[in-house]
Structures are given as structure tokens and as C-alpha cells.
Amino acid sequence: MRFLSKSFIFFFSLLHRLVMVVAGAHAFMLRNLFARHPDADRPRSVKRDWRKYGGRAVRRG
């Protein structure tokens, strides 16, 4: 009986840890999904060109 109770405790602690890891990963992904982009309110002419200029704001045209 003692072995059975210890195995239940071990199983549920492992299950709890797995659920917490999965929930944390989903929370991280949802936070990134719903976060506003830093250039969202800028006019198109001053949006950052990330590939060419390494993230600095650049005026095009």
C-alpha cells in the first residue's frame, strides 16, 4: 500500500510538471501572438527594414 501511494504521488507530480510546462509554452506563444508589433503605429515610410539595416528605423523613398 505504501508503494502504491508513493507511486501515485510520483505520477501526479510528473503529470503536474508536464501540464505546467505545456501551459507555460502556450502562454508564451499567446503572449507573442497578441503582442503589438513595435512598428504598428508608424507610417509606412518610417517602418524599420529589419533585413537590410539591422533594426534601425529607416526612411524609404
PDB file of N, CA and C in Angstrom:
ATOM      1  N   MET A   1       0.832  -1.203   0.000  1.00  0.00           N
ATOM      2  CA  MET A   1       0.000   0.000   0.000  1.00  0.00           C
ATOM      3  C   MET A   1       0.869   1.256   0.000  1.00  0.00           C
ATOM      4  N   ARG A   2       1.944   1.199   0.760  1.00  0.00           N
ATOM      5  CA  ARG A   2       2.850   2.348   0.819  1.00  0.00           C
ATOM      6  C   ARG A   2       3.477   2.612  -0.546  1.00  0.00           C
ATOM      7  N   PHE A   3       3.856   1.545  -1.244  1.00  0.00           N
ATOM      8  CA  PHE A   3       4.434   1.695  -2.581  1.00  0.00           C
ATOM      9  C   PHE A   3       3.421   2.313  -3.543  1.00  0.00           C
ATOM     10  N   LEU A   4       2.159   1.891  -3.413  1.00  0.00           N
ATOM     11  CA  LEU A   4       1.111   2.402  -4.291  1.00  0.00           C
ATOM     12  C   LEU A   4       0.897   3.900  -4.074  1.00  0.00           C
ATOM     13  N   SER A   5       0.876   4.327  -2.834  1.00  0.00           N
ATOM     14  CA  SER A   5       0.673   5.755  -2.563  1.00  0.00           C
ATOM     15  C   SER A   5       1.865   6.577  -3.048  1.00  0.00           C
ATOM     16  N   LYS A   6       3.087   6.053  -2.871  1.00  0.00           N
ATOM     17  CA  LYS A   6       4.261   6.783  -3.358  1.00  0.00           C
ATOM     18  C   LYS A   6       4.264   6.865  -4.880  1.00  0.00           C
ATOM     19  N   SER A   7       3.830   5.799  -5.536  1.00  0.00           N
ATOM     20  CA  SER A   7       3.801   5.837  -6.999  1.00  0.00           C
ATOM     21  C   SER A   7       2.728   6.804  -7.496  1.00  0.00           C
ATOM     22  N   PHE A   8       1.593   6.898  -6.787  1.00  0.00           N
ATOM     23  CA  PHE A   8       0.578   7.880  -7.170  1.00  0.00           C
ATOM     24  C   PHE A   8       1.110   9.297  -7.019  1.00  0.00           C
ATOM     25  N   ILE A   9       1.798   9.556  -5.925  1.00  0.00           N
ATOM     26  CA  ILE A   9       2.367  10.888  -5.704  1.00  0.00           C
ATOM     27  C   ILE A   9       3.375  11.219  -6.799  1.00  0.00           C
ATOM     28  N   PHE A  10       4.229  10.268  -7.127  1.00  0.00           N
ATOM     29  CA  PHE A  10       5.218  10.483  -8.182  1.00  0.00           C
ATOM     30  C   PHE A  10       4.536  10.731  -9.526  1.00  0.00           C
ATOM     31  N   PHE A  11       3.517   9.922  -9.838  1.00  0.00           N
ATOM     32  CA  PHE A  11       2.819  10.058 -11.114  1.00  0.00           C
ATOM     33  C   PHE A  11       2.141  11.421 -11.225  1.00  0.00           C
ATOM     34  N   PHE A  12       1.455  11.844 -10.168  1.00  0.00           N
ATOM     35  CA  PHE A  12       0.750  13.118 -10.242  1.00  0.00           C
ATOM     36  C   PHE A  12       1.704  14.301 -10.233  1.00  0.00           C
ATOM     37  N   SER A  13       2.841  14.180  -9.553  1.00  0.00           N
ATOM     38  CA  SER A  13       3.811  15.277  -9.611  1.00  0.00           C
ATOM     39  C   SER A  13       4.415  15.388 -11.008  1.00  0.00           C
ATOM     40  N   LEU A  14       4.665  14.244 -11.637  1.00  0.00           N
ATOM     41  CA  LEU A  14       5.175  14.255 -13.009  1.00  0.00           C
ATOM     42  C   LEU A  14       4.131  14.830 -13.968  1.00  0.00           C
ATOM     43  N   LEU A  15       2.883  14.421 -13.787  1.00  0.00           N
ATOM     44  CA  LEU A  15       1.805  14.934 -14.626  1.00  0.00           C
ATOM     45  C   LEU A  15       1.630  16.441 -14.430  1.00  0.00           C
ATOM     46  N   HIS A  16       1.711  16.899 -13.197  1.00  0.00           N
ATOM     47  CA  HIS A  16       1.571  18.322 -12.906  1.00  0.00           C
ATOM     48  C   HIS A  16       2.693  19.114 -13.562  1.00  0.00           C
ATOM     49  N   ARG A  17       3.910  18.604 -13.489  1.00  0.00           N
ATOM     50  CA  ARG A  17       5.038  19.298 -14.108  1.00  0.00           C
ATOM     51  C   ARG A  17       4.870  19.373 -15.627  1.00  0.00           C
ATOM     52  N   LEU A  18       4.419  18.296 -16.233  1.00  0.00           N
ATOM     53  CA  LEU A  18       4.196  18.281 -17.679  1.00  0.00           C
ATOM     54  C   LEU A  18       3.118  19.289 -18.078  1.00  0.00           C
ATOM     55  N   VAL A  19       2.022  19.323 -17.313  1.00  0.00           N
ATOM     56  CA  VAL A  19       0.943  20.275 -17.601  1.00  0.00           C
ATOM     57  C   VAL A  19       1.441  21.705 -17.449  1.00  0.00           C
ATOM     58  N   MET A  20       2.248  21.976 -16.434  1.00  0.00           N
ATOM     59  CA  MET A  20       2.760  23.327 -16.230  1.00  0.00           C
ATOM     60  C   MET A  20       3.699  23.752 -17.361  1.00  0.00           C
ATOM     61  N   VAL A  21       4.528  22.833 -17.836  1.00  0.00           N
ATOM     62  CA  VAL A  21       5.435  23.152 -18.945  1.00  0.00           C
ATOM     63  C   VAL A  21       4.635  23.457 -20.208  1.00  0.00           C
ATOM     64  N   VAL A  22       3.635  22.633 -20.491  1.00  0.00           N
ATOM     65  CA  VAL A  22       2.815  22.853 -21.689  1.00  0.00           C
ATOM     66  C   VAL A  22       2.028  24.154 -21.565  1.00  0.00           C
ATOM     67  N   ALA A  23       1.474  24.421 -20.391  1.00  0.00           N
ATOM     68  CA  ALA A  23       0.713  25.659 -20.196  1.00  0.00           C
ATOM     69  C   ALA A  23       1.625  26.879 -20.313  1.00  0.00           C
ATOM     70  N   GLY A  24       2.834  26.784 -19.777  1.00  0.00           N
ATOM     71  CA  GLY A  24       3.775  27.894 -19.897  1.00  0.00           C
ATOM     72  C   GLY A  24       4.176  28.152 -21.336  1.00  0.00           C
ATOM     73  N   ALA A  25       4.386  27.093 -22.097  1.00  0.00           N
ATOM     74  CA  ALA A  25       4.739  27.261 -23.512  1.00  0.00           C
ATOM     75  C   ALA A  25       3.584  27.898 -24.281  1.00  0.00           C
ATOM     76  N   HIS A  26       2.356  27.480 -23.982  1.00  0.00           N
ATOM     77  CA  HIS A  26       1.212  28.079 -24.661  1.00  0.00           C
ATOM     78  C   HIS A  26       1.042  29.543 -24.270  1.00  0.00           C
ATOM     79  N   ALA A  27       1.253  29.855 -22.995  1.00  0.00           N
ATOM     80  CA  ALA A  27       1.141  31.250 -22.566  1.00  0.00           C
ATOM     81  C   ALA A  27       2.186  32.110 -23.265  1.00  0.00           C
ATOM     82  N   PHE A  28       3.403  31.596 -23.406  1.00  0.00           N
ATOM     83  CA  PHE A  28       4.466  32.332 -24.089  1.00  0.00           C
ATOM     84  C   PHE A  28       4.100  32.578 -25.548  1.00  0.00           C
ATOM     85  N   MET A  29       3.571  31.545 -26.217  1.00  0.00           N
ATOM     86  CA  MET A  29       3.202  31.698 -27.630  1.00  0.00           C
ATOM     87  C   MET A  29       2.036  32.670 -27.791  1.00  0.00           C
ATOM     88  N   LEU A  30       1.056  32.594 -26.898  1.00  0.00           N
ATOM     89  CA  LEU A  30      -0.082  33.504 -26.999  1.00  0.00           C
ATOM     90  C   LEU A  30       0.331  34.939 -26.706  1.00  0.00           C
ATOM     91  N   ARG A  31       1.255  35.125 -25.771  1.00  0.00           N
ATOM     92  CA  ARG A  31       1.728  36.475 -25.484  1.00  0.00           C
ATOM     93  C   ARG A  31       2.408  37.069 -26.707  1.00  0.00           C
ATOM     94  N   ASN A  32       3.227  36.262 -27.387  1.00  0.00           N
ATOM     95  CA  ASN A  32       3.890  36.748 -28.590  1.00  0.00           C
ATOM     96  C   ASN A  32       2.901  36.953 -29.728  1.00  0.00           C
ATOM     97  N   LEU A  33       1.869  36.129 -29.782  1.00  0.00           N
ATOM     98  CA  LEU A  33       0.896  36.240 -30.861  1.00  0.00           C
ATOM     99  C   LEU A  33       0.072  37.516 -30.733  1.00  0.00           C
ATOM    100  N   PHE A  34      -0.308  37.872 -29.504  1.00  0.00           N
ATOM    101  CA  PHE A  34      -1.181  39.024 -29.310  1.00  0.00           C
ATOM    102  C   PHE A  34      -0.434  40.313 -29.002  1.00  0.00           C
ATOM    103  N   ALA A  35       0.884  40.264 -28.931  1.00  0.00           N
ATOM    104  CA  ALA A  35       1.654  41.483 -28.678  1.00  0.00           C
ATOM    105  C   ALA A  35       1.639  42.355 -29.930  1.00  0.00           C
ATOM    106  N   ARG A  36       1.589  43.654 -29.704  1.00  0.00           N
ATOM    107  CA  ARG A  36       1.615  44.554 -30.853  1.00  0.00           C
ATOM    108  C   ARG A  36       3.041  44.699 -31.358  1.00  0.00           C
ATOM    109  N   HIS A  37       3.161  44.769 -32.651  1.00  0.00           N
ATOM    110  CA  HIS A  37       4.478  44.964 -33.249  1.00  0.00           C
ATOM    111  C   HIS A  37       4.942  46.382 -32.948  1.00  0.00           C
ATOM    112  N   PRO A  38       6.248  46.591 -32.696  1.00  0.00           N
ATOM    113  CA  PRO A  38       6.720  47.946 -32.365  1.00  0.00           C
ATOM    114  C   PRO A  38       6.493  48.960 -33.485  1.00  0.00           C
ATOM    115  N   ASP A  39       6.359  48.503 -34.716  1.00  0.00           N
ATOM    116  CA  ASP A  39       6.141  49.423 -35.835  1.00  0.00           C
ATOM    117  C   ASP A  39       4.671  49.566 -36.204  1.00  0.00           C
ATOM    118  N   ALA A  40       3.768  49.081 -35.366  1.00  0.00           N
ATOM    119  CA  ALA A  40       2.359  49.036 -35.752  1.00  0.00           C
ATOM    120  C   ALA A  40       1.785  50.427 -36.004  1.00  0.00           C
ATOM    121  N   ASP A  41       2.203  51.437 -35.225  1.00  0.00           N
ATOM    122  CA  ASP A  41       1.617  52.774 -35.350  1.00  0.00           C
ATOM    123  C   ASP A  41       2.445  53.712 -36.212  1.00  0.00           C
ATOM    124  N   ARG A  42       3.553  53.242 -36.751  1.00  0.00           N
ATOM    125  CA  ARG A  42       4.387  54.119 -37.573  1.00  0.00           C
ATOM    126  C   ARG A  42       3.835  54.197 -38.984  1.00  0.00           C
ATOM    127  N   PRO A  43       4.026  55.334 -39.627  1.00  0.00           N
ATOM    128  CA  PRO A  43       3.671  55.380 -41.045  1.00  0.00           C
ATOM    129  C   PRO A  43       4.584  54.467 -41.853  1.00  0.00           C
ATOM    130  N   ARG A  44       4.129  54.065 -43.018  1.00  0.00           N
ATOM    131  CA  ARG A  44       4.875  53.100 -43.822  1.00  0.00           C
ATOM    132  C   ARG A  44       6.266  53.612 -44.181  1.00  0.00           C
ATOM    133  N   SER A  45       6.428  54.917 -44.333  1.00  0.00           N
ATOM    134  CA  SER A  45       7.711  55.448 -44.794  1.00  0.00           C
ATOM    135  C   SER A  45       8.806  55.348 -43.737  1.00  0.00           C
ATOM    136  N   VAL A  46       8.456  55.192 -42.466  1.00  0.00           N
ATOM    137  CA  VAL A  46       9.498  55.110 -41.439  1.00  0.00           C
ATOM    138  C   VAL A  46       9.514  53.761 -40.736  1.00  0.00           C
ATOM    139  N   LYS A  47       8.855  52.774 -41.307  1.00  0.00           N
ATOM    140  CA  LYS A  47       8.927  51.440 -40.700  1.00  0.00           C
ATOM    141  C   LYS A  47      10.345  50.912 -40.793  1.00  0.00           C
ATOM    142  N   ARG A  48      10.720  50.079 -39.856  1.00  0.00           N
ATOM    143  CA  ARG A  48      12.080  49.548 -39.846  1.00  0.00           C
ATOM    144  C   ARG A  48      12.252  48.487 -40.913  1.00  0.00           C
ATOM    145  N   ASP A  49      13.366  48.532 -41.581  1.00  0.00           N
ATOM    146  CA  ASP A  49      13.693  47.495 -42.549  1.00  0.00           C
ATOM    147  C   ASP A  49      14.666  46.553 -41.858  1.00  0.00           C
ATOM    148  N   TRP A  50      14.137  45.482 -41.259  1.00  0.00           N
ATOM    149  CA  TRP A  50      14.922  44.624 -40.374  1.00  0.00           C
ATOM    150  C   TRP A  50      16.015  43.878 -41.121  1.00  0.00           C
ATOM    151  N   ARG A  51      15.760  43.461 -42.349  1.00  0.00           N
ATOM    152  CA  ARG A  51      16.749  42.629 -43.042  1.00  0.00           C
ATOM    153  C   ARG A  51      17.949  43.436 -43.500  1.00  0.00           C
ATOM    154  N   LYS A  52      17.704  44.641 -44.025  1.00  0.00           N
ATOM    155  CA  LYS A  52      18.811  45.413 -44.594  1.00  0.00           C
ATOM    156  C   LYS A  52      19.624  46.137 -43.538  1.00  0.00           C
ATOM    157  N   TYR A  53      18.941  46.755 -42.565  1.00  0.00           N
ATOM    158  CA  TYR A  53      19.626  47.708 -41.702  1.00  0.00           C
ATOM    159  C   TYR A  53      19.718  47.275 -40.247  1.00  0.00           C
ATOM    160  N   GLY A  54      19.424  46.037 -39.955  1.00  0.00           N
ATOM    161  CA  GLY A  54      19.629  45.531 -38.604  1.00  0.00           C
ATOM    162  C   GLY A  54      18.706  46.113 -37.561  1.00  0.00           C
ATOM    163  N   GLY A  55      17.525  46.594 -37.935  1.00  0.00           N
ATOM    164  CA  GLY A  55      16.542  47.016 -36.947  1.00  0.00           C
ATOM    165  C   GLY A  55      16.454  48.508 -36.719  1.00  0.00           C
ATOM    166  N   ARG A  56      17.274  49.325 -37.386  1.00  0.00           N
ATOM    167  CA  ARG A  56      17.174  50.770 -37.199  1.00  0.00           C
ATOM    168  C   ARG A  56      16.023  51.309 -38.037  1.00  0.00           C
ATOM    169  N   ALA A  57      15.421  52.386 -37.556  1.00  0.00           N
ATOM    170  CA  ALA A  57      14.335  52.999 -38.321  1.00  0.00           C
ATOM    171  C   ALA A  57      14.926  53.690 -39.540  1.00  0.00           C
ATOM    172  N   VAL A  58      14.350  53.420 -40.683  1.00  0.00           N
ATOM    173  CA  VAL A  58      14.901  53.935 -41.933  1.00  0.00           C
ATOM    174  C   VAL A  58      13.775  54.570 -42.728  1.00  0.00           C
ATOM    175  N   ARG A  59      14.029  55.768 -43.240  1.00  0.00           N
ATOM    176  CA  ARG A  59      13.039  56.426 -44.096  1.00  0.00           C
ATOM    177  C   ARG A  59      13.289  56.012 -45.538  1.00  0.00           C
ATOM    178  N   ARG A  60      12.263  55.451 -46.151  1.00  0.00           N
ATOM    179  CA  ARG A  60      12.421  54.965 -47.523  1.00  0.00           C
ATOM    180  C   ARG A  60      11.904  55.985 -48.522  1.00  0.00           C
ATOM    181  N   GLY A  61      12.466  55.924 -49.727  1.00  0.00           N
ATOM    182  CA  GLY A  61      11.931  56.693 -50.833  1.00  0.00           C
ATOM    183  C   GLY A  61      12.515  58.036 -50.892  1.00  0.00           C
TER     184      GLY A  61
END
